Amino acid sequence: MSYLLLAMAIAAEVLATSSLKASAGFSRLWPSVIVVLGYGFSFYALAVVLKTLPVGITYAIWAGAGILLVTLIGILFYGEKPDLPALLGMGLIVVGVMTIQLFSRISSH
């Protein structure tokens, strides 16, 4: 259940971050509302998840998935094109999160 709630927190954070750009500096109402509600739910869900999962593991998954998903949304909806160093860096983030999940004793806490 904790991982499902973490996935929901990640989705809300990604929606909020993507809407932040669309809010045009909080000058557009509905994207601004999505930002506030999305971040609010995301942090609430993250706080609940932290009752059962270690903070380091939780944050690594949350941040890593968020970076990748927000980048994908930037590519698909905002026409952004990450260069090779950006893609390599994101690949390292994925490898880091996988390493923690697969090999670290803290991930089984």
N, C-alpha and C. Protein backbone atom coordinates (compact mmCIF):
# COMPACT_ATOMS: atom_id res chain seq x y z
N MET A 1 0.83 -1.20 0.00
CA MET A 1 0.00 0.00 0.00
C MET A 1 0.86 1.26 0.00
N SER A 2 2.00 1.20 0.70
CA SER A 2 2.88 2.36 0.76
C SER A 2 3.41 2.74 -0.62
N TYR A 3 3.74 1.71 -1.41
CA TYR A 3 4.28 2.01 -2.74
C TYR A 3 3.21 2.56 -3.68
N LEU A 4 1.97 2.14 -3.51
CA LEU A 4 0.87 2.71 -4.29
C LEU A 4 0.68 4.18 -3.93
N LEU A 5 0.70 4.50 -2.65
CA LEU A 5 0.57 5.89 -2.21
C LEU A 5 1.77 6.72 -2.67
N LEU A 6 2.95 6.11 -2.68
CA LEU A 6 4.14 6.81 -3.19
C LEU A 6 3.97 7.11 -4.67
N ALA A 7 3.44 6.16 -5.43
CA ALA A 7 3.19 6.40 -6.86
C ALA A 7 2.20 7.54 -7.05
N MET A 8 1.20 7.60 -6.21
CA MET A 8 0.23 8.70 -6.29
C MET A 8 0.89 10.03 -5.95
N ALA A 9 1.76 10.04 -4.94
CA ALA A 9 2.49 11.26 -4.57
C ALA A 9 3.36 11.72 -5.72
N ILE A 10 4.03 10.78 -6.39
CA ILE A 10 4.87 11.11 -7.53
C ILE A 10 4.03 11.69 -8.66
N ALA A 11 2.91 11.05 -8.95
CA ALA A 11 2.04 11.54 -10.03
C ALA A 11 1.54 12.96 -9.73
N ALA A 12 1.16 13.22 -8.49
CA ALA A 12 0.68 14.55 -8.12
C ALA A 12 1.79 15.58 -8.23
N GLU A 13 3.00 15.21 -7.82
CA GLU A 13 4.14 16.13 -7.90
C GLU A 13 4.49 16.43 -9.35
N VAL A 14 4.45 15.42 -10.20
CA VAL A 14 4.75 15.60 -11.62
C VAL A 14 3.69 16.50 -12.27
N LEU A 15 2.43 16.26 -11.94
CA LEU A 15 1.36 17.12 -12.47
C LEU A 15 1.55 18.56 -12.00
N ALA A 16 1.86 18.74 -10.72
CA ALA A 16 2.05 20.09 -10.18
C ALA A 16 3.24 20.78 -10.82
N THR A 17 4.35 20.08 -10.95
CA THR A 17 5.54 20.69 -11.53
C THR A 17 5.31 21.05 -12.99
N SER A 18 4.65 20.17 -13.73
CA SER A 18 4.35 20.45 -15.13
C SER A 18 3.40 21.62 -15.26
N SER A 19 2.46 21.73 -14.35
CA SER A 19 1.51 22.84 -14.37
C SER A 19 2.17 24.15 -13.95
N LEU A 20 3.25 24.06 -13.20
CA LEU A 20 3.96 25.27 -12.78
C LEU A 20 4.41 26.08 -13.98
N LYS A 21 4.93 25.41 -15.00
CA LYS A 21 5.33 26.11 -16.22
C LYS A 21 4.10 26.71 -16.90
N ALA A 22 3.02 25.93 -16.96
CA ALA A 22 1.79 26.40 -17.60
C ALA A 22 1.14 27.56 -16.84
N SER A 23 1.45 27.70 -15.55
CA SER A 23 0.84 28.78 -14.76
C SER A 23 1.38 30.15 -15.14
N ALA A 24 2.48 30.19 -15.87
CA ALA A 24 3.09 31.45 -16.30
C ALA A 24 3.31 32.39 -15.12
N GLY A 25 4.04 31.87 -14.14
CA GLY A 25 4.33 32.70 -12.96
C GLY A 25 3.11 32.96 -12.10
N PHE A 26 2.23 31.99 -12.02
CA PHE A 26 0.97 32.09 -11.27
C PHE A 26 0.05 33.19 -11.81
N SER A 27 0.16 33.47 -13.11
CA SER A 27 -0.72 34.47 -13.71
C SER A 27 -1.93 33.82 -14.40
N ARG A 28 -1.96 32.50 -14.49
CA ARG A 28 -3.09 31.77 -15.07
C ARG A 28 -3.74 30.94 -13.97
N LEU A 29 -5.04 31.12 -13.78
CA LEU A 29 -5.76 30.55 -12.64
C LEU A 29 -5.70 29.03 -12.55
N TRP A 30 -6.18 28.32 -13.54
CA TRP A 30 -6.34 26.88 -13.40
C TRP A 30 -5.02 26.13 -13.29
N PRO A 31 -4.02 26.47 -14.09
CA PRO A 31 -2.73 25.80 -13.85
C PRO A 31 -2.19 26.11 -12.44
N SER A 32 -2.44 27.32 -11.94
CA SER A 32 -1.99 27.68 -10.59
C SER A 32 -2.71 26.86 -9.52
N VAL A 33 -4.00 26.63 -9.72
CA VAL A 33 -4.78 25.81 -8.78
C VAL A 33 -4.24 24.38 -8.79
N ILE A 34 -3.94 23.86 -9.97
CA ILE A 34 -3.38 22.50 -10.08
C ILE A 34 -2.04 22.42 -9.36
N VAL A 35 -1.22 23.45 -9.47
CA VAL A 35 0.07 23.48 -8.78
C VAL A 35 -0.13 23.35 -7.27
N VAL A 36 -0.98 24.19 -6.72
CA VAL A 36 -1.18 24.20 -5.27
C VAL A 36 -1.78 22.88 -4.78
N LEU A 37 -2.82 22.40 -5.44
CA LEU A 37 -3.46 21.15 -5.04
C LEU A 37 -2.53 19.96 -5.24
N GLY A 38 -1.82 19.95 -6.35
CA GLY A 38 -0.91 18.84 -6.64
C GLY A 38 0.22 18.73 -5.64
N TYR A 39 0.86 19.85 -5.33
CA TYR A 39 1.94 19.83 -4.34
C TYR A 39 1.39 19.51 -2.94
N GLY A 40 0.22 20.05 -2.63
CA GLY A 40 -0.38 19.77 -1.33
C GLY A 40 -0.64 18.28 -1.14
N PHE A 41 -1.27 17.66 -2.13
CA PHE A 41 -1.54 16.23 -2.02
C PHE A 41 -0.25 15.44 -2.03
N SER A 42 0.68 15.83 -2.88
CA SER A 42 1.94 15.10 -2.99
C SER A 42 2.69 15.06 -1.66
N PHE A 43 2.82 16.20 -1.01
CA PHE A 43 3.53 16.24 0.26
C PHE A 43 2.76 15.53 1.38
N TYR A 44 1.44 15.61 1.35
CA TYR A 44 0.65 14.88 2.33
C TYR A 44 0.87 13.37 2.15
N ALA A 45 0.75 12.89 0.92
CA ALA A 45 0.93 11.47 0.64
C ALA A 45 2.35 11.03 0.99
N LEU A 46 3.33 11.86 0.67
CA LEU A 46 4.71 11.54 1.01
C LEU A 46 4.89 11.41 2.51
N ALA A 47 4.27 12.29 3.27
CA ALA A 47 4.36 12.23 4.74
C ALA A 47 3.74 10.93 5.27
N VAL A 48 2.64 10.50 4.69
CA VAL A 48 2.01 9.25 5.11
C VAL A 48 2.91 8.06 4.76
N VAL A 49 3.49 8.08 3.58
CA VAL A 49 4.39 7.01 3.15
C VAL A 49 5.57 6.88 4.11
N LEU A 50 6.06 8.02 4.58
CA LEU A 50 7.24 8.01 5.45
C LEU A 50 6.97 7.38 6.82
N LYS A 51 5.72 7.09 7.12
CA LYS A 51 5.41 6.37 8.35
C LYS A 51 5.89 4.91 8.26
N THR A 52 5.98 4.39 7.03
CA THR A 52 6.30 2.97 6.87
C THR A 52 7.56 2.70 6.05
N LEU A 53 8.00 3.64 5.24
CA LEU A 53 9.19 3.43 4.41
C LEU A 53 10.31 4.37 4.85
N PRO A 54 11.56 3.96 4.69
CA PRO A 54 12.69 4.82 5.07
C PRO A 54 12.74 6.09 4.20
N VAL A 55 13.10 7.19 4.82
CA VAL A 55 13.10 8.47 4.12
C VAL A 55 14.07 8.49 2.94
N GLY A 56 15.24 7.91 3.08
CA GLY A 56 16.22 7.93 1.99
C GLY A 56 15.73 7.20 0.76
N ILE A 57 15.17 6.03 0.97
CA ILE A 57 14.64 5.23 -0.14
C ILE A 57 13.44 5.92 -0.77
N THR A 58 12.54 6.38 0.06
CA THR A 58 11.34 7.05 -0.42
C THR A 58 11.69 8.27 -1.25
N TYR A 59 12.60 9.08 -0.74
CA TYR A 59 12.96 10.30 -1.45
C TYR A 59 13.71 9.99 -2.75
N ALA A 60 14.55 8.97 -2.74
CA ALA A 60 15.27 8.60 -3.96
C ALA A 60 14.29 8.19 -5.05
N ILE A 61 13.30 7.39 -4.70
CA ILE A 61 12.31 6.96 -5.68
C ILE A 61 11.47 8.15 -6.14
N TRP A 62 11.01 8.95 -5.19
CA TRP A 62 10.15 10.09 -5.49
C TRP A 62 10.86 11.09 -6.40
N ALA A 63 12.07 11.45 -6.03
CA ALA A 63 12.82 12.44 -6.81
C ALA A 63 13.25 11.88 -8.16
N GLY A 64 13.75 10.65 -8.17
CA GLY A 64 14.20 10.06 -9.42
C GLY A 64 13.08 9.91 -10.43
N ALA A 65 11.97 9.35 -9.98
CA ALA A 65 10.83 9.18 -10.89
C ALA A 65 10.29 10.54 -11.32
N GLY A 66 10.26 11.49 -10.40
CA GLY A 66 9.78 12.83 -10.74
C GLY A 66 10.64 13.49 -11.81
N ILE A 67 11.95 13.38 -11.67
CA ILE A 67 12.86 13.98 -12.66
C ILE A 67 12.61 13.37 -14.04
N LEU A 68 12.53 12.06 -14.09
CA LEU A 68 12.33 11.39 -15.37
C LEU A 68 10.98 11.74 -16.00
N LEU A 69 9.94 11.71 -15.19
CA LEU A 69 8.60 11.98 -15.72
C LEU A 69 8.42 13.44 -16.13
N VAL A 70 8.95 14.36 -15.34
CA VAL A 70 8.85 15.78 -15.71
C VAL A 70 9.66 16.05 -16.99
N THR A 71 10.79 15.40 -17.14
CA THR A 71 11.56 15.54 -18.37
C THR A 71 10.77 15.03 -19.56
N LEU A 72 10.12 13.88 -19.40
CA LEU A 72 9.30 13.33 -20.48
C LEU A 72 8.16 14.26 -20.84
N ILE A 73 7.52 14.85 -19.85
CA ILE A 73 6.44 15.81 -20.12
C ILE A 73 6.99 17.04 -20.82
N GLY A 74 8.18 17.49 -20.40
CA GLY A 74 8.81 18.62 -21.07
C GLY A 74 9.06 18.34 -22.55
N ILE A 75 9.48 17.12 -22.84
CA ILE A 75 9.71 16.72 -24.23
C ILE A 75 8.40 16.68 -25.01
N LEU A 76 7.39 16.03 -24.44
CA LEU A 76 6.14 15.81 -25.14
C LEU A 76 5.27 17.05 -25.27
N PHE A 77 5.23 17.89 -24.22
CA PHE A 77 4.28 19.00 -24.22
C PHE A 77 4.90 20.38 -24.39
N TYR A 78 6.18 20.51 -24.07
CA TYR A 78 6.81 21.82 -24.14
C TYR A 78 7.92 21.89 -25.18
N GLY A 79 8.11 20.83 -25.93
CA GLY A 79 9.10 20.83 -27.00
C GLY A 79 10.54 20.92 -26.51
N GLU A 80 10.80 20.54 -25.27
CA GLU A 80 12.15 20.58 -24.74
C GLU A 80 12.94 19.38 -25.24
N LYS A 81 14.23 19.58 -25.45
CA LYS A 81 15.08 18.52 -25.98
C LYS A 81 16.32 18.38 -25.11
N PRO A 82 16.33 17.41 -24.19
CA PRO A 82 17.51 17.24 -23.35
C PRO A 82 18.70 16.78 -24.19
N ASP A 83 19.88 17.30 -23.85
CA ASP A 83 21.08 16.90 -24.58
C ASP A 83 21.67 15.63 -23.99
N LEU A 84 22.75 15.16 -24.58
CA LEU A 84 23.35 13.91 -24.14
C LEU A 84 23.77 13.92 -22.67
N PRO A 85 24.44 14.98 -22.17
CA PRO A 85 24.78 14.97 -20.75
C PRO A 85 23.55 14.88 -19.84
N ALA A 86 22.46 15.53 -20.22
CA ALA A 86 21.23 15.45 -19.41
C ALA A 86 20.69 14.02 -19.41
N LEU A 87 20.68 13.39 -20.57
CA LEU A 87 20.18 12.02 -20.66
C LEU A 87 21.07 11.05 -19.88
N LEU A 88 22.38 11.26 -19.96
CA LEU A 88 23.30 10.41 -19.20
C LEU A 88 23.09 10.59 -17.69
N GLY A 89 22.93 11.83 -17.26
CA GLY A 89 22.69 12.11 -15.86
C GLY A 89 21.41 11.45 -15.37
N MET A 90 20.36 11.52 -16.17
CA MET A 90 19.11 10.87 -15.78
C MET A 90 19.26 9.36 -15.75
N GLY A 91 20.06 8.82 -16.66
CA GLY A 91 20.34 7.39 -16.64
C GLY A 91 21.05 6.99 -15.35
N LEU A 92 21.97 7.83 -14.90
CA LEU A 92 22.66 7.56 -13.64
C LEU A 92 21.71 7.60 -12.46
N ILE A 93 20.73 8.49 -12.50
CA ILE A 93 19.73 8.55 -11.45
C ILE A 93 18.94 7.24 -11.40
N VAL A 94 18.53 6.74 -12.55
CA VAL A 94 17.79 5.48 -12.62
C VAL A 94 18.64 4.34 -12.08
N VAL A 95 19.90 4.28 -12.50
CA VAL A 95 20.80 3.23 -12.01
C VAL A 95 20.99 3.35 -10.50
N GLY A 96 21.09 4.56 -9.99
CA GLY A 96 21.24 4.76 -8.56
C GLY A 96 20.04 4.27 -7.77
N VAL A 97 18.85 4.62 -8.22
CA VAL A 97 17.63 4.18 -7.53
C VAL A 97 17.50 2.66 -7.60
N MET A 98 17.81 2.08 -8.76
CA MET A 98 17.74 0.63 -8.90
C MET A 98 18.76 -0.06 -7.98
N THR A 99 19.95 0.51 -7.89
CA THR A 99 20.98 -0.06 -7.02
C THR A 99 20.53 -0.06 -5.57
N ILE A 100 19.95 1.04 -5.14
CA ILE A 100 19.45 1.11 -3.76
C ILE A 100 18.36 0.08 -3.54
N GLN A 101 17.41 0.01 -4.46
CA GLN A 101 16.28 -0.92 -4.30
C GLN A 101 16.73 -2.37 -4.32
N LEU A 102 17.68 -2.70 -5.18
CA LEU A 102 18.07 -4.10 -5.35
C LEU A 102 19.12 -4.58 -4.34
N PHE A 103 20.00 -3.71 -3.92
CA PHE A 103 21.16 -4.16 -3.16
C PHE A 103 21.32 -3.59 -1.76
N SER A 104 20.64 -2.50 -1.46
CA SER A 104 20.83 -1.87 -0.15
C SER A 104 19.98 -2.54 0.91
N ARG A 105 20.55 -2.75 2.09
CA ARG A 105 19.78 -3.31 3.20
C ARG A 105 18.75 -2.32 3.70
N ILE A 106 18.99 -1.03 3.53
CA ILE A 106 18.04 -0.04 4.03
C ILE A 106 16.70 -0.11 3.28
N SER A 107 16.72 -0.57 2.01
CA SER A 107 15.48 -0.62 1.25
C SER A 107 14.52 -1.66 1.77
N SER A 108 14.99 -2.61 2.54
CA SER A 108 14.10 -3.64 3.09
C SER A 108 13.63 -3.31 4.50
N HIS A 109 13.94 -2.11 4.97
CA HIS A 109 13.57 -1.69 6.34
C HIS A 109 12.07 -1.62 6.51
